[in-house]
Amino acid sequence: MKEKFELEYLFKTTPGVLENLIATPSGLSEWFADDVNVKNNVYTFKWDGASEDAQLQFHKMNQRIRFKWLADEEDDSYFEIATKVDPMTNAMIINITDFAESDDISGAEMLWDQQMEKLRRILGA
């Protein structure tokens, strides 16, 4: 059974710039996957020749976007990218919610850390 885990990252950017990078196929293909296509709310993420499909479950602009991997349809897992402005610093906070097998959580967290580093380089933040 998969376990839920959450991560938080801080970026110096604006909500609009971040929204474009986390909610559009072109933005996601800059940092999350090699290529991203969307058809009927199903996003196809491609990495090194392999691909995985995810259903867009929820999207509230400048707040959160949630996907469910179609391969995981038998469980309640999903991955979500939520954003908010830190009221003290005006920096953007990205909260990641994801699920992984208990013995693979550290690997999944490391993968998110790498993806967020790519995003940080793209933003120059």
Protein backbone atom coordinates (compact mmCIF):
# COMPACT_ATOMS: atom_id res chain seq x y z
CA MET A 1 0.00 0.00 0.00
CA LYS A 2 1.28 3.45 -0.87
CA GLU A 3 1.93 6.05 1.80
CA LYS A 4 1.34 9.77 1.46
CA PHE A 5 4.26 12.16 1.87
CA GLU A 6 4.56 15.92 1.60
CA LEU A 7 7.44 18.22 0.69
CA GLU A 8 7.82 22.00 0.71
CA TYR A 9 10.05 24.22 -1.42
CA LEU A 10 10.58 27.99 -1.49
CA PHE A 11 11.04 29.98 -4.72
CA LYS A 12 11.53 33.65 -5.48
CA THR A 13 9.12 34.06 -8.37
CA THR A 14 5.59 35.23 -9.14
CA PRO A 15 2.37 33.20 -9.12
CA GLY A 16 1.82 33.71 -12.85
CA VAL A 17 5.26 32.45 -13.86
CA LEU A 18 4.93 29.43 -11.58
CA GLU A 19 1.41 28.67 -12.84
CA ASN A 20 2.69 28.48 -16.40
CA LEU A 21 5.43 26.03 -15.39
CA ILE A 22 3.26 23.67 -13.35
CA ALA A 23 -0.03 23.71 -15.26
CA THR A 24 0.83 23.75 -18.97
CA PRO A 25 2.32 20.93 -21.05
CA SER A 26 5.06 23.23 -22.33
CA GLY A 27 5.90 24.40 -18.80
CA LEU A 28 5.92 20.86 -17.38
CA SER A 29 8.17 19.67 -20.19
CA GLU A 30 10.78 22.26 -19.14
CA TRP A 31 11.38 20.70 -15.71
CA PHE A 32 9.13 17.73 -14.90
CA ALA A 33 9.39 15.48 -17.96
CA ASP A 34 11.17 15.37 -21.32
CA ASP A 35 7.86 15.94 -23.13
CA VAL A 36 4.24 16.44 -22.06
CA ASN A 37 1.11 16.19 -24.18
CA VAL A 38 -2.51 16.60 -23.12
CA LYS A 39 -5.73 15.28 -24.64
CA ASN A 40 -9.12 15.25 -22.90
CA ASN A 41 -7.56 16.04 -19.49
CA VAL A 42 -5.14 13.10 -19.78
CA TYR A 43 -1.53 14.23 -19.63
CA THR A 44 1.10 11.99 -21.20
CA PHE A 45 4.47 12.46 -19.51
CA LYS A 46 7.52 11.14 -21.39
CA TRP A 47 10.96 10.36 -19.93
CA ASP A 48 13.81 8.64 -21.81
CA GLY A 49 11.45 7.00 -24.30
CA ALA A 50 9.00 5.71 -21.65
CA SER A 51 5.66 7.38 -21.03
CA GLU A 52 3.03 7.48 -18.30
CA ASP A 53 -0.48 8.88 -18.44
CA ALA A 54 -2.11 10.89 -15.68
CA GLN A 55 -5.66 12.21 -15.42
CA LEU A 56 -6.00 15.86 -14.42
CA GLN A 57 -8.22 15.64 -11.31
CA PHE A 58 -8.26 19.21 -10.10
CA HIS A 59 -6.82 22.57 -11.09
CA LYS A 60 -7.37 25.87 -9.35
CA MET A 61 -5.29 28.54 -11.01
CA ASN A 62 -2.38 29.90 -8.93
CA GLN A 63 -3.26 27.49 -6.11
CA ARG A 64 -3.08 23.78 -6.93
CA ILE A 65 -3.06 21.13 -9.60
CA ARG A 66 -3.66 17.42 -8.95
CA PHE A 67 -2.99 14.44 -11.19
CA LYS A 68 -3.73 10.73 -10.82
CA TRP A 69 -1.51 8.23 -12.61
CA LEU A 70 -3.77 5.98 -14.70
CA ALA A 71 -1.55 3.00 -13.80
CA ASP A 72 -2.51 3.56 -10.12
CA GLU A 73 -6.26 3.48 -10.66
CA GLU A 74 -6.77 0.79 -8.01
CA ASP A 75 -5.70 3.04 -5.14
CA ASP A 76 -6.40 6.56 -3.89
CA SER A 77 -2.94 7.94 -4.67
CA TYR A 78 -2.31 11.11 -6.65
CA PHE A 79 0.32 13.81 -6.92
CA GLU A 80 -0.42 17.43 -6.28
CA ILE A 81 1.52 20.66 -6.67
CA ALA A 82 0.10 23.44 -4.52
CA THR A 83 1.41 26.99 -4.45
CA LYS A 84 0.94 29.94 -2.14
CA VAL A 85 2.64 33.24 -1.40
CA ASP A 86 4.57 33.45 1.86
CA PRO A 87 3.07 36.56 3.53
CA MET A 88 6.34 37.44 5.27
CA THR A 89 8.75 37.24 2.31
CA ASN A 90 6.46 37.31 -0.78
CA ALA A 91 8.32 34.19 -1.94
CA MET A 92 6.32 31.35 -3.48
CA ILE A 93 5.91 28.17 -1.45
CA ILE A 94 5.43 24.96 -3.42
CA ASN A 95 3.89 22.07 -1.51
CA ILE A 96 4.18 18.64 -3.11
CA THR A 97 1.86 15.83 -2.05
CA ASP A 98 2.66 12.41 -3.48
CA PHE A 99 2.41 8.71 -2.65
CA ALA A 100 5.00 5.93 -2.72
CA GLU A 101 5.56 2.46 -1.32
CA SER A 102 6.92 2.79 2.24
CA ASP A 103 10.33 1.41 1.24
CA ASP A 104 10.54 3.86 -1.69
CA ILE A 105 9.56 7.16 -0.06
CA SER A 106 13.14 8.40 0.29
CA GLY A 107 13.75 7.66 -3.42
CA ALA A 108 10.56 9.49 -4.39
CA GLU A 109 11.54 12.46 -2.22
CA MET A 110 14.96 12.54 -3.85
CA LEU A 111 13.32 12.54 -7.30
CA TRP A 112 11.15 15.54 -6.30
CA ASP A 113 14.25 17.31 -4.94
CA GLN A 114 15.92 16.84 -8.34
CA GLN A 115 12.84 18.08 -10.21
CA MET A 116 12.60 21.13 -7.97
CA GLU A 117 16.29 21.89 -8.58
CA LYS A 118 15.57 21.85 -12.34
CA LEU A 119 12.62 24.19 -11.76
CA ARG A 120 14.82 26.47 -9.62
CA ARG A 121 17.41 26.69 -12.43
CA ILE A 122 14.73 27.54 -15.00
CA LEU A 123 13.32 30.26 -12.74
CA GLY A 124 16.76 31.51 -11.78
CA ALA A 125 15.36 31.54 -8.22
